[in-house]
Structure formats: C-alpha cells, structure tokens
Amino acid sequence: MTTQNELRLLPWSGPEGKPCYLSTDDKGGYMSRLADNIEAEQLGTAAELLKQAAEVLGDEHAGPESMQLLAKELTGALRDVLRVATSRGHLLAGSEPHRI
C-alpha cells in the first residue's frame, strides 16, 4: 500500500477543491511531466505577477479596484506557489535518507 509520504501532491485540485495525488515510481511518466510543466507555469505566472504588483503598488494613482484585483491575483498565485512548495517538500523528504 502506498503511504501519504509516497504520493505526489499535484498542482491542481479535484472535485470540491480537494487535493489530488499521484502514485507512481516513474518520475518521467506522462502525469509527472504534466505536473512538472504546470508547476513551472504557475511559478512563472507568480514571478510575472510579482513584477506587476510592484508596478501597481508604486502607482500613486492606482485605485481601490486595481488594488482589489491585485490582491485577488496574488492570493491565487500564493496558493499555487504554496502547493508547489508543499509538493516539492514532500518529494524531497521522501527521497532523502532520514538523518538522526
């Protein structure tokens, strides 16, 4: 039986927002590569959004609508980046020998 630590958290949610996991020994398989590509896109989007945030926050004429949109987009990007970090942390923890 596969334990929770052996599962890869995927960069998308399932029905009702529940996390999706992948159980495979093939790190180069289709689903693993798909997850890697989506994670790379999510991280790239977050980096671009960070640049945009600096511009909006530096604009003294930015109104409340711009700030609200920025907060909404940053929230989504932060959620994605946190999921990527969690997934990669689990992958690292599962591949490294335990140290005492």
PDB file of N, CA and C in Angstrom:
ATOM      1  N   MET A   1       0.843  -1.186   0.000  1.00  0.00           N
ATOM      2  CA  MET A   1       0.000   0.000   0.000  1.00  0.00           C
ATOM      3  C   MET A   1       0.884   1.244   0.000  1.00  0.00           C
ATOM      4  N   THR A   2       0.507   2.240  -0.776  1.00  0.00           N
ATOM      5  CA  THR A   2       1.257   3.492  -0.872  1.00  0.00           C
ATOM      6  C   THR A   2       0.880   4.394   0.295  1.00  0.00           C
ATOM      7  N   THR A   3       1.889   4.940   0.967  1.00  0.00           N
ATOM      8  CA  THR A   3       1.620   5.852   2.078  1.00  0.00           C
ATOM      9  C   THR A   3       1.479   7.273   1.555  1.00  0.00           C
ATOM     10  N   GLN A   4       0.941   8.153   2.385  1.00  0.00           N
ATOM     11  CA  GLN A   4       0.754   9.560   2.017  1.00  0.00           C
ATOM     12  C   GLN A   4       2.081  10.191   1.635  1.00  0.00           C
ATOM     13  N   ASN A   5       3.199   9.813   2.293  1.00  0.00           N
ATOM     14  CA  ASN A   5       4.503  10.394   2.008  1.00  0.00           C
ATOM     15  C   ASN A   5       5.040   9.979   0.644  1.00  0.00           C
ATOM     16  N   GLU A   6       4.528   8.889   0.086  1.00  0.00           N
ATOM     17  CA  GLU A   6       4.982   8.416  -1.216  1.00  0.00           C
ATOM     18  C   GLU A   6       4.162   9.006  -2.362  1.00  0.00           C
ATOM     19  N   LEU A   7       3.123   9.733  -2.057  1.00  0.00           N
ATOM     20  CA  LEU A   7       2.268  10.330  -3.066  1.00  0.00           C
ATOM     21  C   LEU A   7       2.767  11.717  -3.420  1.00  0.00           C
ATOM     22  N   ARG A   8       2.588  12.083  -4.665  1.00  0.00           N
ATOM     23  CA  ARG A   8       2.955  13.434  -5.102  1.00  0.00           C
ATOM     24  C   ARG A   8       1.702  14.292  -5.135  1.00  0.00           C
ATOM     25  N   LEU A   9       1.750  15.416  -4.435  1.00  0.00           N
ATOM     26  CA  LEU A   9       0.663  16.378  -4.490  1.00  0.00           C
ATOM     27  C   LEU A   9       0.702  17.053  -5.850  1.00  0.00           C
ATOM     28  N   LEU A  10      -0.394  16.972  -6.572  1.00  0.00           N
ATOM     29  CA  LEU A  10      -0.449  17.540  -7.912  1.00  0.00           C
ATOM     30  C   LEU A  10      -0.829  19.018  -7.856  1.00  0.00           C
ATOM     31  N   PRO A  11      -0.439  19.791  -8.872  1.00  0.00           N
ATOM     32  CA  PRO A  11      -0.665  21.236  -8.845  1.00  0.00           C
ATOM     33  C   PRO A  11      -2.073  21.662  -9.256  1.00  0.00           C
ATOM     34  N   TRP A  12      -3.029  20.803  -9.072  1.00  0.00           N
ATOM     35  CA  TRP A  12      -4.421  21.154  -9.332  1.00  0.00           C
ATOM     36  C   TRP A  12      -5.280  20.468  -8.292  1.00  0.00           C
ATOM     37  N   SER A  13      -6.494  20.951  -8.169  1.00  0.00           N
ATOM     38  CA  SER A  13      -7.435  20.400  -7.196  1.00  0.00           C
ATOM     39  C   SER A  13      -8.444  19.516  -7.899  1.00  0.00           C
ATOM     40  N   GLY A  14      -9.004  18.620  -7.121  1.00  0.00           N
ATOM     41  CA  GLY A  14     -10.052  17.750  -7.620  1.00  0.00           C
ATOM     42  C   GLY A  14     -11.415  18.356  -7.321  1.00  0.00           C
ATOM     43  N   PRO A  15     -12.431  17.525  -7.407  1.00  0.00           N
ATOM     44  CA  PRO A  15     -13.778  17.998  -7.105  1.00  0.00           C
ATOM     45  C   PRO A  15     -13.841  18.606  -5.700  1.00  0.00           C
ATOM     46  N   GLU A  16     -14.597  19.656  -5.591  1.00  0.00           N
ATOM     47  CA  GLU A  16     -14.807  20.345  -4.317  1.00  0.00           C
ATOM     48  C   GLU A  16     -13.517  20.908  -3.734  1.00  0.00           C
ATOM     49  N   GLY A  17     -12.512  21.132  -4.586  1.00  0.00           N
ATOM     50  CA  GLY A  17     -11.263  21.729  -4.125  1.00  0.00           C
ATOM     51  C   GLY A  17     -10.355  20.805  -3.350  1.00  0.00           C
ATOM     52  N   LYS A  18     -10.644  19.530  -3.366  1.00  0.00           N
ATOM     53  CA  LYS A  18      -9.822  18.568  -2.622  1.00  0.00           C
ATOM     54  C   LYS A  18      -8.516  18.327  -3.365  1.00  0.00           C
ATOM     55  N   PRO A  19      -7.418  18.077  -2.623  1.00  0.00           N
ATOM     56  CA  PRO A  19      -6.125  17.849  -3.270  1.00  0.00           C
ATOM     57  C   PRO A  19      -6.119  16.557  -4.095  1.00  0.00           C
ATOM     58  N   CYS A  20      -5.323  16.574  -5.159  1.00  0.00           N
ATOM     59  CA  CYS A  20      -5.130  15.397  -5.999  1.00  0.00           C
ATOM     60  C   CYS A  20      -3.701  14.893  -5.799  1.00  0.00           C
ATOM     61  N   TYR A  21      -3.545  13.593  -5.786  1.00  0.00           N
ATOM     62  CA  TYR A  21      -2.234  12.988  -5.587  1.00  0.00           C
ATOM     63  C   TYR A  21      -1.940  12.003  -6.709  1.00  0.00           C
ATOM     64  N   LEU A  22      -0.648  11.824  -6.970  1.00  0.00           N
ATOM     65  CA  LEU A  22      -0.191  10.869  -7.968  1.00  0.00           C
ATOM     66  C   LEU A  22       0.668   9.825  -7.278  1.00  0.00           C
ATOM     67  N   SER A  23       0.362   8.569  -7.558  1.00  0.00           N
ATOM     68  CA  SER A  23       1.159   7.469  -7.042  1.00  0.00           C
ATOM     69  C   SER A  23       1.848   6.803  -8.225  1.00  0.00           C
ATOM     70  N   THR A  24       3.173   6.993  -8.312  1.00  0.00           N
ATOM     71  CA  THR A  24       3.932   6.382  -9.400  1.00  0.00           C
ATOM     72  C   THR A  24       5.403   6.324  -9.040  1.00  0.00           C
ATOM     73  N   ASP A  25       6.081   5.348  -9.575  1.00  0.00           N
ATOM     74  CA  ASP A  25       7.532   5.257  -9.419  1.00  0.00           C
ATOM     75  C   ASP A  25       8.236   5.891 -10.613  1.00  0.00           C
ATOM     76  N   ASP A  26       7.465   6.268 -11.642  1.00  0.00           N
ATOM     77  CA  ASP A  26       8.024   6.802 -12.876  1.00  0.00           C
ATOM     78  C   ASP A  26       8.003   8.330 -12.856  1.00  0.00           C
ATOM     79  N   LYS A  27       9.109   8.922 -12.420  1.00  0.00           N
ATOM     80  CA  LYS A  27       9.188  10.383 -12.340  1.00  0.00           C
ATOM     81  C   LYS A  27       9.213  11.031 -13.727  1.00  0.00           C
ATOM     82  N   GLY A  28       9.444  10.251 -14.772  1.00  0.00           N
ATOM     83  CA  GLY A  28       9.451  10.768 -16.129  1.00  0.00           C
ATOM     84  C   GLY A  28       8.185  10.412 -16.892  1.00  0.00           C
ATOM     85  N   GLY A  29       7.194   9.860 -16.192  1.00  0.00           N
ATOM     86  CA  GLY A  29       5.944   9.474 -16.831  1.00  0.00           C
ATOM     87  C   GLY A  29       5.120  10.680 -17.246  1.00  0.00           C
ATOM     88  N   TYR A  30       4.088  10.423 -18.025  1.00  0.00           N
ATOM     89  CA  TYR A  30       3.250  11.491 -18.570  1.00  0.00           C
ATOM     90  C   TYR A  30       2.687  12.388 -17.481  1.00  0.00           C
ATOM     91  N   MET A  31       2.072  11.818 -16.457  1.00  0.00           N
ATOM     92  CA  MET A  31       1.452  12.630 -15.408  1.00  0.00           C
ATOM     93  C   MET A  31       2.484  13.417 -14.609  1.00  0.00           C
ATOM     94  N   SER A  32       3.638  12.821 -14.362  1.00  0.00           N
ATOM     95  CA  SER A  32       4.706  13.530 -13.645  1.00  0.00           C
ATOM     96  C   SER A  32       5.203  14.712 -14.468  1.00  0.00           C
ATOM     97  N   ARG A  33       5.396  14.495 -15.767  1.00  0.00           N
ATOM     98  CA  ARG A  33       5.850  15.587 -16.639  1.00  0.00           C
ATOM     99  C   ARG A  33       4.794  16.674 -16.744  1.00  0.00           C
ATOM    100  N   LEU A  34       3.525  16.272 -16.837  1.00  0.00           N
ATOM    101  CA  LEU A  34       2.434  17.239 -16.889  1.00  0.00           C
ATOM    102  C   LEU A  34       2.425  18.088 -15.615  1.00  0.00           C
ATOM    103  N   ALA A  35       2.551  17.454 -14.475  1.00  0.00           N
ATOM    104  CA  ALA A  35       2.585  18.188 -13.202  1.00  0.00           C
ATOM    105  C   ALA A  35       3.795  19.121 -13.150  1.00  0.00           C
ATOM    106  N   ASP A  36       4.954  18.643 -13.604  1.00  0.00           N
ATOM    107  CA  ASP A  36       6.158  19.491 -13.632  1.00  0.00           C
ATOM    108  C   ASP A  36       5.926  20.727 -14.500  1.00  0.00           C
ATOM    109  N   ASN A  37       5.322  20.534 -15.665  1.00  0.00           N
ATOM    110  CA  ASN A  37       5.073  21.660 -16.583  1.00  0.00           C
ATOM    111  C   ASN A  37       4.081  22.664 -15.996  1.00  0.00           C
ATOM    112  N   ILE A  38       3.038  22.161 -15.373  1.00  0.00           N
ATOM    113  CA  ILE A  38       2.053  23.058 -14.776  1.00  0.00           C
ATOM    114  C   ILE A  38       2.680  23.820 -13.605  1.00  0.00           C
ATOM    115  N   GLU A  39       3.485  23.133 -12.793  1.00  0.00           N
ATOM    116  CA  GLU A  39       4.173  23.820 -11.692  1.00  0.00           C
ATOM    117  C   GLU A  39       5.083  24.926 -12.230  1.00  0.00           C
ATOM    118  N   ALA A  40       5.805  24.648 -13.312  1.00  0.00           N
ATOM    119  CA  ALA A  40       6.687  25.658 -13.907  1.00  0.00           C
ATOM    120  C   ALA A  40       5.874  26.860 -14.390  1.00  0.00           C
ATOM    121  N   GLU A  41       4.725  26.611 -14.997  1.00  0.00           N
ATOM    122  CA  GLU A  41       3.856  27.703 -15.440  1.00  0.00           C
ATOM    123  C   GLU A  41       3.345  28.514 -14.249  1.00  0.00           C
ATOM    124  N   GLN A  42       2.960  27.824 -13.191  1.00  0.00           N
ATOM    125  CA  GLN A  42       2.453  28.512 -12.008  1.00  0.00           C
ATOM    126  C   GLN A  42       3.538  29.396 -11.386  1.00  0.00           C
ATOM    127  N   LEU A  43       4.746  28.892 -11.303  1.00  0.00           N
ATOM    128  CA  LEU A  43       5.846  29.672 -10.740  1.00  0.00           C
ATOM    129  C   LEU A  43       6.179  30.863 -11.640  1.00  0.00           C
ATOM    130  N   GLY A  44       6.141  30.661 -12.954  1.00  0.00           N
ATOM    131  CA  GLY A  44       6.383  31.758 -13.891  1.00  0.00           C
ATOM    132  C   GLY A  44       5.307  32.828 -13.793  1.00  0.00           C
ATOM    133  N   THR A  45       4.065  32.406 -13.659  1.00  0.00           N
ATOM    134  CA  THR A  45       2.959  33.348 -13.503  1.00  0.00           C
ATOM    135  C   THR A  45       3.125  34.151 -12.215  1.00  0.00           C
ATOM    136  N   ALA A  46       3.522  33.488 -11.142  1.00  0.00           N
ATOM    137  CA  ALA A  46       3.727  34.180  -9.864  1.00  0.00           C
ATOM    138  C   ALA A  46       4.844  35.211  -9.984  1.00  0.00           C
ATOM    139  N   ALA A  47       5.911  34.881 -10.690  1.00  0.00           N
ATOM    140  CA  ALA A  47       7.022  35.828 -10.870  1.00  0.00           C
ATOM    141  C   ALA A  47       6.565  37.050 -11.662  1.00  0.00           C
ATOM    142  N   GLU A  48       5.795  36.831 -12.713  1.00  0.00           N
ATOM    143  CA  GLU A  48       5.273  37.957 -13.501  1.00  0.00           C
ATOM    144  C   GLU A  48       4.315  38.803 -12.676  1.00  0.00           C
ATOM    145  N   LEU A  49       3.485  38.150 -11.899  1.00  0.00           N
ATOM    146  CA  LEU A  49       2.525  38.871 -11.068  1.00  0.00           C
ATOM    147  C   LEU A  49       3.243  39.702 -10.006  1.00  0.00           C
ATOM    148  N   LEU A  50       4.343  39.206  -9.504  1.00  0.00           N
ATOM    149  CA  LEU A  50       5.128  39.958  -8.528  1.00  0.00           C
ATOM    150  C   LEU A  50       5.652  41.260  -9.143  1.00  0.00           C
ATOM    151  N   LYS A  51       6.092  41.192 -10.387  1.00  0.00           N
ATOM    152  CA  LYS A  51       6.538  42.407 -11.094  1.00  0.00           C
ATOM    153  C   LYS A  51       5.377  43.383 -11.259  1.00  0.00           C
ATOM    154  N   GLN A  52       4.221  42.861 -11.656  1.00  0.00           N
ATOM    155  CA  GLN A  52       3.046  43.710 -11.827  1.00  0.00           C
ATOM    156  C   GLN A  52       2.631  44.340 -10.501  1.00  0.00           C
ATOM    157  N   ALA A  53       2.741  43.583  -9.424  1.00  0.00           N
ATOM    158  CA  ALA A  53       2.368  44.094  -8.108  1.00  0.00           C
ATOM    159  C   ALA A  53       3.248  45.270  -7.726  1.00  0.00           C
ATOM    160  N   ALA A  54       4.546  45.155  -8.009  1.00  0.00           N
ATOM    161  CA  ALA A  54       5.458  46.262  -7.700  1.00  0.00           C
ATOM    162  C   ALA A  54       5.059  47.516  -8.471  1.00  0.00           C
ATOM    163  N   GLU A  55       4.640  47.332  -9.712  1.00  0.00           N
ATOM    164  CA  GLU A  55       4.213  48.481 -10.521  1.00  0.00           C
ATOM    165  C   GLU A  55       2.934  49.109  -9.974  1.00  0.00           C
ATOM    166  N   VAL A  56       1.958  48.275  -9.661  1.00  0.00           N
ATOM    167  CA  VAL A  56       0.679  48.788  -9.160  1.00  0.00           C
ATOM    168  C   VAL A  56       0.882  49.479  -7.812  1.00  0.00           C
ATOM    169  N   LEU A  57       1.653  48.867  -6.938  1.00  0.00           N
ATOM    170  CA  LEU A  57       1.877  49.460  -5.614  1.00  0.00           C
ATOM    171  C   LEU A  57       2.692  50.748  -5.709  1.00  0.00           C
ATOM    172  N   GLY A  58       3.498  50.869  -6.757  1.00  0.00           N
ATOM    173  CA  GLY A  58       4.282  52.086  -6.956  1.00  0.00           C
ATOM    174  C   GLY A  58       3.519  53.190  -7.662  1.00  0.00           C
ATOM    175  N   ASP A  59       2.322  52.883  -8.141  1.00  0.00           N
ATOM    176  CA  ASP A  59       1.493  53.864  -8.856  1.00  0.00           C
ATOM    177  C   ASP A  59       0.581  54.572  -7.867  1.00  0.00           C
ATOM    178  N   GLU A  60       0.866  55.829  -7.627  1.00  0.00           N
ATOM    179  CA  GLU A  60       0.075  56.582  -6.648  1.00  0.00           C
ATOM    180  C   GLU A  60      -1.355  56.835  -7.117  1.00  0.00           C
ATOM    181  N   HIS A  61      -1.613  56.595  -8.395  1.00  0.00           N
ATOM    182  CA  HIS A  61      -2.955  56.800  -8.939  1.00  0.00           C
ATOM    183  C   HIS A  61      -3.761  55.497  -9.015  1.00  0.00           C
ATOM    184  N   ALA A  62      -3.188  54.410  -8.566  1.00  0.00           N
ATOM    185  CA  ALA A  62      -3.907  53.133  -8.596  1.00  0.00           C
ATOM    186  C   ALA A  62      -5.081  53.203  -7.618  1.00  0.00           C
ATOM    187  N   GLY A  63      -6.237  52.872  -8.114  1.00  0.00           N
ATOM    188  CA  GLY A  63      -7.448  52.967  -7.298  1.00  0.00           C
ATOM    189  C   GLY A  63      -7.738  51.684  -6.546  1.00  0.00           C
ATOM    190  N   PRO A  64      -8.813  51.704  -5.777  1.00  0.00           N
ATOM    191  CA  PRO A  64      -9.196  50.535  -4.987  1.00  0.00           C
ATOM    192  C   PRO A  64      -9.495  49.302  -5.847  1.00  0.00           C
ATOM    193  N   GLU A  65     -10.027  49.524  -7.051  1.00  0.00           N
ATOM    194  CA  GLU A  65     -10.329  48.387  -7.926  1.00  0.00           C
ATOM    195  C   GLU A  65      -9.045  47.678  -8.340  1.00  0.00           C
ATOM    196  N   SER A  66      -8.017  48.468  -8.655  1.00  0.00           N
ATOM    197  CA  SER A  66      -6.724  47.888  -9.034  1.00  0.00           C
ATOM    198  C   SER A  66      -6.118  47.117  -7.873  1.00  0.00           C
ATOM    199  N   MET A  67      -6.227  47.672  -6.685  1.00  0.00           N
ATOM    200  CA  MET A  67      -5.673  47.014  -5.502  1.00  0.00           C
ATOM    201  C   MET A  67      -6.432  45.725  -5.183  1.00  0.00           C
ATOM    202  N   GLN A  68      -7.757  45.769  -5.352  1.00  0.00           N
ATOM    203  CA  GLN A  68      -8.557  44.574  -5.082  1.00  0.00           C
ATOM    204  C   GLN A  68      -8.222  43.474  -6.085  1.00  0.00           C
ATOM    205  N   LEU A  69      -8.095  43.825  -7.354  1.00  0.00           N
ATOM    206  CA  LEU A  69      -7.726  42.852  -8.378  1.00  0.00           C
ATOM    207  C   LEU A  69      -6.338  42.283  -8.096  1.00  0.00           C
ATOM    208  N   LEU A  70      -5.407  43.156  -7.724  1.00  0.00           N
ATOM    209  CA  LEU A  70      -4.057  42.722  -7.388  1.00  0.00           C
ATOM    210  C   LEU A  70      -4.083  41.727  -6.223  1.00  0.00           C
ATOM    211  N   ALA A  71      -4.837  42.047  -5.180  1.00  0.00           N
ATOM    212  CA  ALA A  71      -4.926  41.157  -4.018  1.00  0.00           C
ATOM    213  C   ALA A  71      -5.512  39.797  -4.409  1.00  0.00           C
ATOM    214  N   LYS A  72      -6.519  39.809  -5.264  1.00  0.00           N
ATOM    215  CA  LYS A  72      -7.156  38.571  -5.712  1.00  0.00           C
ATOM    216  C   LYS A  72      -6.166  37.706  -6.516  1.00  0.00           C
ATOM    217  N   GLU A  73      -5.439  38.335  -7.441  1.00  0.00           N
ATOM    218  CA  GLU A  73      -4.478  37.611  -8.263  1.00  0.00           C
ATOM    219  C   GLU A  73      -3.300  37.103  -7.426  1.00  0.00           C
ATOM    220  N   LEU A  74      -2.831  37.927  -6.490  1.00  0.00           N
ATOM    221  CA  LEU A  74      -1.734  37.499  -5.620  1.00  0.00           C
ATOM    222  C   LEU A  74      -2.153  36.338  -4.722  1.00  0.00           C
ATOM    223  N   THR A  75      -3.398  36.353  -4.269  1.00  0.00           N
ATOM    224  CA  THR A  75      -3.908  35.259  -3.440  1.00  0.00           C
ATOM    225  C   THR A  75      -3.888  33.939  -4.215  1.00  0.00           C
ATOM    226  N   GLY A  76      -4.339  33.981  -5.451  1.00  0.00           N
ATOM    227  CA  GLY A  76      -4.324  32.771  -6.282  1.00  0.00           C
ATOM    228  C   GLY A  76      -2.912  32.292  -6.551  1.00  0.00           C
ATOM    229  N   ALA A  77      -2.007  33.218  -6.856  1.00  0.00           N
ATOM    230  CA  ALA A  77      -0.619  32.848  -7.129  1.00  0.00           C
ATOM    231  C   ALA A  77       0.051  32.287  -5.882  1.00  0.00           C
ATOM    232  N   LEU A  78      -0.229  32.891  -4.732  1.00  0.00           N
ATOM    233  CA  LEU A  78       0.349  32.397  -3.482  1.00  0.00           C
ATOM    234  C   LEU A  78      -0.154  30.990  -3.168  1.00  0.00           C
ATOM    235  N   ARG A  79      -1.426  30.731  -3.419  1.00  0.00           N
ATOM    236  CA  ARG A  79      -1.989  29.395  -3.219  1.00  0.00           C
ATOM    237  C   ARG A  79      -1.261  28.376  -4.110  1.00  0.00           C
ATOM    238  N   ASP A  80      -1.048  28.741  -5.379  1.00  0.00           N
ATOM    239  CA  ASP A  80      -0.358  27.841  -6.304  1.00  0.00           C
ATOM    240  C   ASP A  80       1.085  27.593  -5.882  1.00  0.00           C
ATOM    241  N   VAL A  81       1.792  28.656  -5.503  1.00  0.00           N
ATOM    242  CA  VAL A  81       3.198  28.524  -5.109  1.00  0.00           C
ATOM    243  C   VAL A  81       3.314  27.699  -3.831  1.00  0.00           C
ATOM    244  N   LEU A  82       2.396  27.889  -2.903  1.00  0.00           N
ATOM    245  CA  LEU A  82       2.405  27.100  -1.672  1.00  0.00           C
ATOM    246  C   LEU A  82       2.189  25.615  -1.980  1.00  0.00           C
ATOM    247  N   ARG A  83       1.297  25.325  -2.907  1.00  0.00           N
ATOM    248  CA  ARG A  83       1.052  23.928  -3.288  1.00  0.00           C
ATOM    249  C   ARG A  83       2.315  23.330  -3.926  1.00  0.00           C
ATOM    250  N   VAL A  84       2.987  24.092  -4.789  1.00  0.00           N
ATOM    251  CA  VAL A  84       4.232  23.616  -5.415  1.00  0.00           C
ATOM    252  C   VAL A  84       5.289  23.367  -4.336  1.00  0.00           C
ATOM    253  N   ALA A  85       5.430  24.301  -3.408  1.00  0.00           N
ATOM    254  CA  ALA A  85       6.429  24.142  -2.343  1.00  0.00           C
ATOM    255  C   ALA A  85       6.114  22.924  -1.476  1.00  0.00           C
ATOM    256  N   THR A  86       4.849  22.736  -1.158  1.00  0.00           N
ATOM    257  CA  THR A  86       4.448  21.581  -0.357  1.00  0.00           C
ATOM    258  C   THR A  86       4.746  20.290  -1.099  1.00  0.00           C
ATOM    259  N   SER A  87       4.385  20.252  -2.377  1.00  0.00           N
ATOM    260  CA  SER A  87       4.623  19.056  -3.187  1.00  0.00           C
ATOM    261  C   SER A  87       6.116  18.735  -3.265  1.00  0.00           C
ATOM    262  N   ARG A  88       6.914  19.747  -3.554  1.00  0.00           N
ATOM    263  CA  ARG A  88       8.355  19.520  -3.693  1.00  0.00           C
ATOM    264  C   ARG A  88       8.991  19.186  -2.359  1.00  0.00           C
ATOM    265  N   GLY A  89       8.474  19.739  -1.275  1.00  0.00           N
ATOM    266  CA  GLY A  89       8.975  19.387   0.054  1.00  0.00           C
ATOM    267  C   GLY A  89       8.718  17.936   0.369  1.00  0.00           C
ATOM    268  N   HIS A  90       7.526  17.452   0.005  1.00  0.00           N
ATOM    269  CA  HIS A  90       7.210  16.035   0.214  1.00  0.00           C
ATOM    270  C   HIS A  90       8.098  15.148  -0.644  1.00  0.00           C
ATOM    271  N   LEU A  91       8.343  15.568  -1.886  1.00  0.00           N
ATOM    272  CA  LEU A  91       9.205  14.784  -2.763  1.00  0.00           C
ATOM    273  C   LEU A  91      10.619  14.700  -2.206  1.00  0.00           C
ATOM    274  N   LEU A  92      11.136  15.814  -1.706  1.00  0.00           N
ATOM    275  CA  LEU A  92      12.483  15.820  -1.126  1.00  0.00           C
ATOM    276  C   LEU A  92      12.549  14.962   0.129  1.00  0.00           C
ATOM    277  N   ALA A  93      11.532  15.085   0.958  1.00  0.00           N
ATOM    278  CA  ALA A  93      11.519  14.313   2.203  1.00  0.00           C
ATOM    279  C   ALA A  93      11.465  12.811   1.914  1.00  0.00           C
ATOM    280  N   GLY A  94      10.774  12.438   0.847  1.00  0.00           N
ATOM    281  CA  GLY A  94      10.670  11.027   0.507  1.00  0.00           C
ATOM    282  C   GLY A  94      11.907  10.466  -0.158  1.00  0.00           C
ATOM    283  N   SER A  95      12.747  11.329  -0.755  1.00  0.00           N
ATOM    284  CA  SER A  95      13.907  10.835  -1.488  1.00  0.00           C
ATOM    285  C   SER A  95      15.194  10.897  -0.674  1.00  0.00           C
ATOM    286  N   GLU A  96      15.206  11.655   0.418  1.00  0.00           N
ATOM    287  CA  GLU A  96      16.404  11.779   1.233  1.00  0.00           C
ATOM    288  C   GLU A  96      16.385  10.760   2.354  1.00  0.00           C
ATOM    289  N   PRO A  97      17.536  10.176   2.663  1.00  0.00           N
ATOM    290  CA  PRO A  97      17.578   9.270   3.795  1.00  0.00           C
ATOM    291  C   PRO A  97      17.354  10.045   5.097  1.00  0.00           C
ATOM    292  N   HIS A  98      16.731   9.389   6.047  1.00  0.00           N
ATOM    293  CA  HIS A  98      16.476  10.028   7.334  1.00  0.00           C
ATOM    294  C   HIS A  98      17.777  10.175   8.106  1.00  0.00           C
ATOM    295  N   ARG A  99      17.990  11.352   8.633  1.00  0.00           N
ATOM    296  CA  ARG A  99      19.190  11.612   9.425  1.00  0.00           C
ATOM    297  C   ARG A  99      18.835  11.726  10.891  1.00  0.00           C
ATOM    298  N   ILE A 100      19.715  11.218  11.703  1.00  0.00           N
ATOM    299  CA  ILE A 100      19.489  11.272  13.151  1.00  0.00           C
ATOM    300  C   ILE A 100      20.512  12.169  13.785  1.00  0.00           C
TER     301      ILE A 100
END
